[in-house]
Amino acid sequence: MNTPANLKYTKSDEWFDPANGTMGLSDYAQGQLSDIVFVELLVEVGDTVEVGKAIASVESVKASAEIYAAASGKVVEVNKALSDKPETLNSDPFGAGWMVKVEGGNAGDAMDAAAYVAYCESRAH
């Protein structure tokens, strides 16, 4: 499982980069979902999001899931390319697979990478 140390993580498996405001679906989550075949972004530029608010909906060959904001802030960019290439969430969840960028992002009580890895491992038992 890829878990970049510079990111913050939520218990609902989203990540947030405090350095640039981007957020998306964790590597752990995309692995659990398997092959992602559909992405719908539920927010637009100018919207304000809060931690835990749905920002996207994804469907895979195994399940569908809501993706929640990992940080609060004003949406300044959305990754519309995911609609045409949803598989990017599987191949590059921390790069081209980002979903939303916010300004003034606050991750609240998000976990650091080590705590998130331990949390994911605790769910595997």
N, C-alpha and C. Protein backbone atom coordinates (compact mmCIF):
# COMPACT_ATOMS: atom_id res chain seq x y z
N MET A 1 0.84 -1.18 0.00
CA MET A 1 0.00 0.00 0.00
C MET A 1 0.89 1.24 0.00
N ASN A 2 0.63 2.12 -0.94
CA ASN A 2 1.37 3.36 -1.05
C ASN A 2 0.71 4.42 -0.16
N THR A 3 1.49 5.00 0.77
CA THR A 3 0.96 5.99 1.71
C THR A 3 1.98 7.11 1.87
N PRO A 4 1.97 8.09 0.95
CA PRO A 4 2.94 9.18 1.04
C PRO A 4 2.91 9.88 2.40
N ALA A 5 4.08 10.10 2.97
CA ALA A 5 4.19 10.65 4.33
C ALA A 5 3.77 12.12 4.42
N ASN A 6 3.76 12.83 3.31
CA ASN A 6 3.43 14.26 3.35
C ASN A 6 1.92 14.54 3.36
N LEU A 7 1.11 13.49 3.26
CA LEU A 7 -0.34 13.66 3.18
C LEU A 7 -1.02 13.36 4.51
N LYS A 8 -2.26 13.82 4.64
CA LYS A 8 -3.13 13.51 5.77
C LYS A 8 -4.22 12.58 5.26
N TYR A 9 -4.74 11.72 6.14
CA TYR A 9 -5.69 10.68 5.73
C TYR A 9 -6.90 10.66 6.67
N THR A 10 -8.06 10.26 6.10
CA THR A 10 -9.28 10.15 6.89
C THR A 10 -9.63 8.68 7.11
N LYS A 11 -10.47 8.44 8.10
CA LYS A 11 -10.93 7.06 8.35
C LYS A 11 -11.83 6.56 7.23
N SER A 12 -12.34 7.47 6.40
CA SER A 12 -13.16 7.05 5.25
C SER A 12 -12.30 6.92 3.99
N ASP A 13 -10.98 6.92 4.15
CA ASP A 13 -10.00 6.59 3.10
C ASP A 13 -9.80 7.65 2.02
N GLU A 14 -9.85 8.92 2.41
CA GLU A 14 -9.47 9.98 1.51
C GLU A 14 -8.15 10.58 1.99
N TRP A 15 -7.46 11.28 1.08
CA TRP A 15 -6.20 11.93 1.44
C TRP A 15 -6.30 13.42 1.15
N PHE A 16 -5.45 14.18 1.85
CA PHE A 16 -5.37 15.63 1.67
C PHE A 16 -3.91 16.05 1.72
N ASP A 17 -3.51 16.89 0.78
CA ASP A 17 -2.15 17.42 0.76
C ASP A 17 -2.19 18.86 1.27
N PRO A 18 -1.75 19.09 2.51
CA PRO A 18 -1.78 20.44 3.08
C PRO A 18 -0.93 21.45 2.30
N ALA A 19 0.06 20.97 1.55
CA ALA A 19 0.95 21.87 0.82
C ALA A 19 0.27 22.54 -0.37
N ASN A 20 -0.65 21.82 -1.05
CA ASN A 20 -1.27 22.41 -2.24
C ASN A 20 -2.79 22.32 -2.26
N GLY A 21 -3.39 21.75 -1.24
CA GLY A 21 -4.85 21.73 -1.14
C GLY A 21 -5.56 20.64 -1.91
N THR A 22 -4.82 19.72 -2.55
CA THR A 22 -5.49 18.67 -3.31
C THR A 22 -5.96 17.55 -2.38
N MET A 23 -6.99 16.85 -2.84
CA MET A 23 -7.48 15.69 -2.11
C MET A 23 -7.99 14.64 -3.09
N GLY A 24 -8.08 13.42 -2.60
CA GLY A 24 -8.54 12.33 -3.44
C GLY A 24 -8.74 11.05 -2.64
N LEU A 25 -8.80 9.96 -3.36
CA LEU A 25 -9.07 8.63 -2.81
C LEU A 25 -7.74 7.93 -2.51
N SER A 26 -7.63 7.32 -1.34
CA SER A 26 -6.36 6.68 -0.97
C SER A 26 -6.08 5.42 -1.78
N ASP A 27 -4.82 5.04 -1.79
CA ASP A 27 -4.40 3.82 -2.47
C ASP A 27 -5.09 2.60 -1.86
N TYR A 28 -5.22 2.60 -0.54
CA TYR A 28 -5.92 1.50 0.14
C TYR A 28 -7.35 1.37 -0.39
N ALA A 29 -8.05 2.49 -0.49
CA ALA A 29 -9.45 2.47 -0.92
C ALA A 29 -9.59 2.02 -2.36
N GLN A 30 -8.73 2.53 -3.24
CA GLN A 30 -8.85 2.11 -4.64
C GLN A 30 -8.56 0.62 -4.77
N GLY A 31 -7.67 0.11 -3.95
CA GLY A 31 -7.38 -1.32 -3.97
C GLY A 31 -8.57 -2.16 -3.50
N GLN A 32 -9.29 -1.65 -2.49
CA GLN A 32 -10.47 -2.35 -2.00
C GLN A 32 -11.61 -2.32 -3.02
N LEU A 33 -11.73 -1.20 -3.72
CA LEU A 33 -12.80 -1.07 -4.72
C LEU A 33 -12.52 -1.88 -5.97
N SER A 34 -11.27 -2.10 -6.30
CA SER A 34 -10.84 -2.79 -7.50
C SER A 34 -10.95 -1.83 -8.69
N ASP A 35 -11.27 -2.33 -9.87
CA ASP A 35 -11.25 -1.53 -11.09
C ASP A 35 -12.36 -0.48 -11.11
N ILE A 36 -11.97 0.79 -11.00
CA ILE A 36 -12.94 1.89 -11.00
C ILE A 36 -13.33 2.21 -12.43
N VAL A 37 -14.64 2.23 -12.68
CA VAL A 37 -15.15 2.40 -14.04
C VAL A 37 -15.96 3.68 -14.24
N PHE A 38 -16.27 4.39 -13.15
CA PHE A 38 -17.08 5.61 -13.26
C PHE A 38 -16.75 6.55 -12.12
N VAL A 39 -16.62 7.84 -12.44
CA VAL A 39 -16.40 8.88 -11.43
C VAL A 39 -17.34 10.04 -11.74
N GLU A 40 -18.06 10.50 -10.72
CA GLU A 40 -18.86 11.71 -10.84
C GLU A 40 -18.42 12.67 -9.74
N LEU A 41 -17.92 13.83 -10.14
CA LEU A 41 -17.54 14.85 -9.18
C LEU A 41 -18.79 15.64 -8.81
N LEU A 42 -19.03 15.82 -7.52
CA LEU A 42 -20.27 16.41 -7.02
C LEU A 42 -20.13 17.88 -6.63
N VAL A 43 -18.93 18.43 -6.77
CA VAL A 43 -18.69 19.83 -6.41
C VAL A 43 -18.14 20.58 -7.62
N GLU A 44 -18.29 21.90 -7.57
CA GLU A 44 -17.81 22.76 -8.65
C GLU A 44 -16.87 23.81 -8.07
N VAL A 45 -16.08 24.43 -8.93
CA VAL A 45 -15.23 25.54 -8.52
C VAL A 45 -16.11 26.62 -7.89
N GLY A 46 -15.68 27.12 -6.75
CA GLY A 46 -16.44 28.14 -6.03
C GLY A 46 -17.24 27.59 -4.87
N ASP A 47 -17.53 26.28 -4.89
CA ASP A 47 -18.24 25.66 -3.77
C ASP A 47 -17.36 25.66 -2.52
N THR A 48 -17.99 25.64 -1.38
CA THR A 48 -17.28 25.46 -0.13
C THR A 48 -17.58 24.05 0.37
N VAL A 49 -16.54 23.32 0.74
CA VAL A 49 -16.73 21.96 1.25
C VAL A 49 -16.29 21.90 2.70
N GLU A 50 -16.85 20.95 3.40
CA GLU A 50 -16.49 20.69 4.79
C GLU A 50 -16.04 19.25 4.90
N VAL A 51 -15.16 18.98 5.86
CA VAL A 51 -14.71 17.61 6.10
C VAL A 51 -15.94 16.71 6.24
N GLY A 52 -15.93 15.60 5.49
CA GLY A 52 -17.03 14.65 5.56
C GLY A 52 -18.14 14.87 4.56
N LYS A 53 -18.11 15.98 3.83
CA LYS A 53 -19.14 16.24 2.81
C LYS A 53 -18.76 15.46 1.55
N ALA A 54 -19.75 14.87 0.89
CA ALA A 54 -19.48 14.12 -0.34
C ALA A 54 -18.98 15.06 -1.43
N ILE A 55 -17.86 14.68 -2.05
CA ILE A 55 -17.31 15.46 -3.16
C ILE A 55 -17.36 14.69 -4.46
N ALA A 56 -17.54 13.36 -4.37
CA ALA A 56 -17.56 12.54 -5.58
C ALA A 56 -18.26 11.22 -5.30
N SER A 57 -18.66 10.59 -6.38
CA SER A 57 -19.22 9.25 -6.32
C SER A 57 -18.45 8.41 -7.33
N VAL A 58 -18.04 7.21 -6.91
CA VAL A 58 -17.31 6.32 -7.82
C VAL A 58 -17.99 4.97 -7.87
N GLU A 59 -17.83 4.33 -9.01
CA GLU A 59 -18.31 2.96 -9.18
C GLU A 59 -17.17 2.11 -9.70
N SER A 60 -17.11 0.90 -9.16
CA SER A 60 -16.10 -0.05 -9.62
C SER A 60 -16.81 -1.32 -10.05
N VAL A 61 -16.03 -2.30 -10.49
CA VAL A 61 -16.62 -3.57 -10.86
C VAL A 61 -17.17 -4.30 -9.65
N LYS A 62 -16.76 -3.89 -8.43
CA LYS A 62 -17.19 -4.54 -7.20
C LYS A 62 -18.26 -3.78 -6.42
N ALA A 63 -18.21 -2.43 -6.45
CA ALA A 63 -19.08 -1.65 -5.57
C ALA A 63 -19.15 -0.20 -6.03
N SER A 64 -20.03 0.54 -5.37
CA SER A 64 -20.04 1.99 -5.56
C SER A 64 -19.76 2.62 -4.21
N ALA A 65 -19.24 3.84 -4.22
CA ALA A 65 -18.86 4.50 -2.97
C ALA A 65 -18.92 6.01 -3.12
N GLU A 66 -19.22 6.66 -2.02
CA GLU A 66 -19.14 8.11 -1.95
C GLU A 66 -17.72 8.46 -1.49
N ILE A 67 -17.18 9.52 -2.03
CA ILE A 67 -15.87 10.02 -1.63
C ILE A 67 -16.13 11.34 -0.90
N TYR A 68 -15.54 11.49 0.27
CA TYR A 68 -15.83 12.64 1.11
C TYR A 68 -14.64 13.59 1.17
N ALA A 69 -14.93 14.85 1.44
CA ALA A 69 -13.87 15.86 1.58
C ALA A 69 -12.98 15.50 2.76
N ALA A 70 -11.68 15.49 2.53
CA ALA A 70 -10.72 15.23 3.59
C ALA A 70 -10.32 16.51 4.30
N ALA A 71 -10.75 17.65 3.75
CA ALA A 71 -10.44 18.95 4.33
C ALA A 71 -11.55 19.93 3.99
N SER A 72 -11.67 20.96 4.80
CA SER A 72 -12.62 22.03 4.53
C SER A 72 -11.91 23.12 3.74
N GLY A 73 -12.68 23.84 2.92
CA GLY A 73 -12.11 24.95 2.17
C GLY A 73 -12.96 25.29 0.97
N LYS A 74 -12.51 26.28 0.22
CA LYS A 74 -13.20 26.71 -1.00
C LYS A 74 -12.60 25.96 -2.18
N VAL A 75 -13.44 25.34 -2.99
CA VAL A 75 -13.00 24.59 -4.16
C VAL A 75 -12.45 25.56 -5.21
N VAL A 76 -11.18 25.36 -5.59
CA VAL A 76 -10.57 26.21 -6.60
C VAL A 76 -10.28 25.46 -7.90
N GLU A 77 -10.39 24.13 -7.85
CA GLU A 77 -10.15 23.33 -9.06
C GLU A 77 -10.77 21.95 -8.87
N VAL A 78 -11.32 21.39 -9.94
CA VAL A 78 -11.80 20.00 -9.93
C VAL A 78 -11.16 19.27 -11.10
N ASN A 79 -10.90 18.00 -10.92
CA ASN A 79 -10.22 17.20 -11.94
C ASN A 79 -11.26 16.55 -12.86
N LYS A 80 -11.73 17.33 -13.82
CA LYS A 80 -12.76 16.84 -14.75
C LYS A 80 -12.26 15.71 -15.63
N ALA A 81 -10.96 15.54 -15.78
CA ALA A 81 -10.40 14.46 -16.60
C ALA A 81 -10.79 13.08 -16.06
N LEU A 82 -11.12 12.98 -14.77
CA LEU A 82 -11.49 11.69 -14.19
C LEU A 82 -12.76 11.12 -14.79
N SER A 83 -13.66 11.99 -15.25
CA SER A 83 -14.90 11.50 -15.87
C SER A 83 -14.61 10.67 -17.12
N ASP A 84 -13.59 11.08 -17.88
CA ASP A 84 -13.23 10.36 -19.10
C ASP A 84 -12.27 9.21 -18.84
N LYS A 85 -11.50 9.29 -17.77
CA LYS A 85 -10.51 8.26 -17.45
C LYS A 85 -10.60 7.87 -15.98
N PRO A 86 -11.70 7.25 -15.54
CA PRO A 86 -11.85 6.91 -14.12
C PRO A 86 -10.79 5.94 -13.62
N GLU A 87 -10.22 5.16 -14.52
CA GLU A 87 -9.18 4.20 -14.13
C GLU A 87 -7.92 4.88 -13.59
N THR A 88 -7.80 6.19 -13.78
CA THR A 88 -6.68 6.94 -13.23
C THR A 88 -6.65 6.82 -11.71
N LEU A 89 -7.81 6.67 -11.08
CA LEU A 89 -7.85 6.49 -9.63
C LEU A 89 -7.13 5.22 -9.20
N ASN A 90 -7.15 4.20 -10.06
CA ASN A 90 -6.43 2.96 -9.76
C ASN A 90 -4.94 3.09 -10.05
N SER A 91 -4.60 3.71 -11.17
CA SER A 91 -3.20 3.73 -11.60
C SER A 91 -2.36 4.82 -10.94
N ASP A 92 -2.99 5.93 -10.53
CA ASP A 92 -2.22 7.06 -9.99
C ASP A 92 -3.07 7.86 -8.98
N PRO A 93 -3.47 7.22 -7.86
CA PRO A 93 -4.40 7.90 -6.94
C PRO A 93 -3.85 9.16 -6.29
N PHE A 94 -2.52 9.29 -6.19
CA PHE A 94 -1.94 10.46 -5.53
C PHE A 94 -1.39 11.49 -6.53
N GLY A 95 -1.44 11.17 -7.81
CA GLY A 95 -0.94 12.08 -8.84
C GLY A 95 -2.09 12.56 -9.70
N ALA A 96 -2.17 12.02 -10.91
CA ALA A 96 -3.22 12.42 -11.85
C ALA A 96 -4.62 12.08 -11.36
N GLY A 97 -4.71 11.22 -10.33
CA GLY A 97 -6.01 10.82 -9.79
C GLY A 97 -6.57 11.73 -8.70
N TRP A 98 -5.95 12.89 -8.49
CA TRP A 98 -6.52 13.83 -7.51
C TRP A 98 -7.93 14.21 -7.95
N MET A 99 -8.77 14.60 -7.01
CA MET A 99 -10.16 14.91 -7.34
C MET A 99 -10.49 16.39 -7.26
N VAL A 100 -10.14 17.01 -6.13
CA VAL A 100 -10.54 18.39 -5.87
C VAL A 100 -9.38 19.12 -5.22
N LYS A 101 -9.25 20.40 -5.54
CA LYS A 101 -8.25 21.25 -4.87
C LYS A 101 -9.01 22.35 -4.15
N VAL A 102 -8.64 22.57 -2.87
CA VAL A 102 -9.28 23.62 -2.08
C VAL A 102 -8.26 24.66 -1.65
N GLU A 103 -8.78 25.84 -1.38
CA GLU A 103 -7.97 26.94 -0.88
C GLU A 103 -8.28 27.10 0.60
N GLY A 104 -7.24 27.32 1.39
CA GLY A 104 -7.45 27.48 2.83
C GLY A 104 -7.87 26.20 3.50
N GLY A 105 -7.40 25.07 2.98
CA GLY A 105 -7.82 23.77 3.48
C GLY A 105 -7.43 23.49 4.92
N ASN A 106 -8.37 22.93 5.66
CA ASN A 106 -8.14 22.53 7.04
C ASN A 106 -8.55 21.07 7.16
N ALA A 107 -7.60 20.20 7.48
CA ALA A 107 -7.86 18.76 7.51
C ALA A 107 -8.45 18.27 8.83
N GLY A 108 -8.71 19.15 9.75
CA GLY A 108 -9.33 18.74 11.01
C GLY A 108 -8.50 17.70 11.72
N ASP A 109 -9.12 16.57 12.05
CA ASP A 109 -8.42 15.52 12.80
C ASP A 109 -7.89 14.40 11.92
N ALA A 110 -7.53 14.71 10.68
CA ALA A 110 -6.99 13.69 9.77
C ALA A 110 -5.70 13.10 10.35
N MET A 111 -5.45 11.85 9.99
CA MET A 111 -4.29 11.11 10.49
C MET A 111 -3.06 11.36 9.64
N ASP A 112 -1.88 11.22 10.24
CA ASP A 112 -0.66 11.21 9.45
C ASP A 112 -0.52 9.82 8.82
N ALA A 113 0.48 9.66 7.96
CA ALA A 113 0.64 8.41 7.22
C ALA A 113 0.81 7.20 8.13
N ALA A 114 1.63 7.31 9.17
CA ALA A 114 1.88 6.17 10.07
C ALA A 114 0.60 5.74 10.77
N ALA A 115 -0.18 6.68 11.24
CA ALA A 115 -1.43 6.36 11.92
C ALA A 115 -2.42 5.73 10.93
N TYR A 116 -2.44 6.22 9.69
CA TYR A 116 -3.35 5.67 8.68
C TYR A 116 -2.97 4.22 8.32
N VAL A 117 -1.68 3.96 8.17
CA VAL A 117 -1.23 2.59 7.88
C VAL A 117 -1.67 1.66 9.01
N ALA A 118 -1.46 2.08 10.25
CA ALA A 118 -1.88 1.26 11.40
C ALA A 118 -3.39 1.05 11.38
N TYR A 119 -4.14 2.09 11.05
CA TYR A 119 -5.61 1.99 10.98
C TYR A 119 -6.02 0.98 9.89
N CYS A 120 -5.41 1.06 8.72
CA CYS A 120 -5.74 0.12 7.63
C CYS A 120 -5.39 -1.31 8.02
N GLU A 121 -4.24 -1.49 8.66
CA GLU A 121 -3.83 -2.83 9.08
C GLU A 121 -4.80 -3.39 10.13
N SER A 122 -5.32 -2.54 10.98
CA SER A 122 -6.27 -3.01 12.01
C SER A 122 -7.58 -3.50 11.39
N ARG A 123 -7.92 -2.99 10.23
CA ARG A 123 -9.16 -3.41 9.54
C ARG A 123 -8.98 -4.71 8.78
N ALA A 124 -7.74 -5.11 8.56
CA ALA A 124 -7.47 -6.32 7.76
C ALA A 124 -7.67 -7.59 8.57
N HIS A 125 -7.87 -7.47 9.87
CA HIS A 125 -7.97 -8.67 10.72
C HIS A 125 -9.39 -9.12 10.89
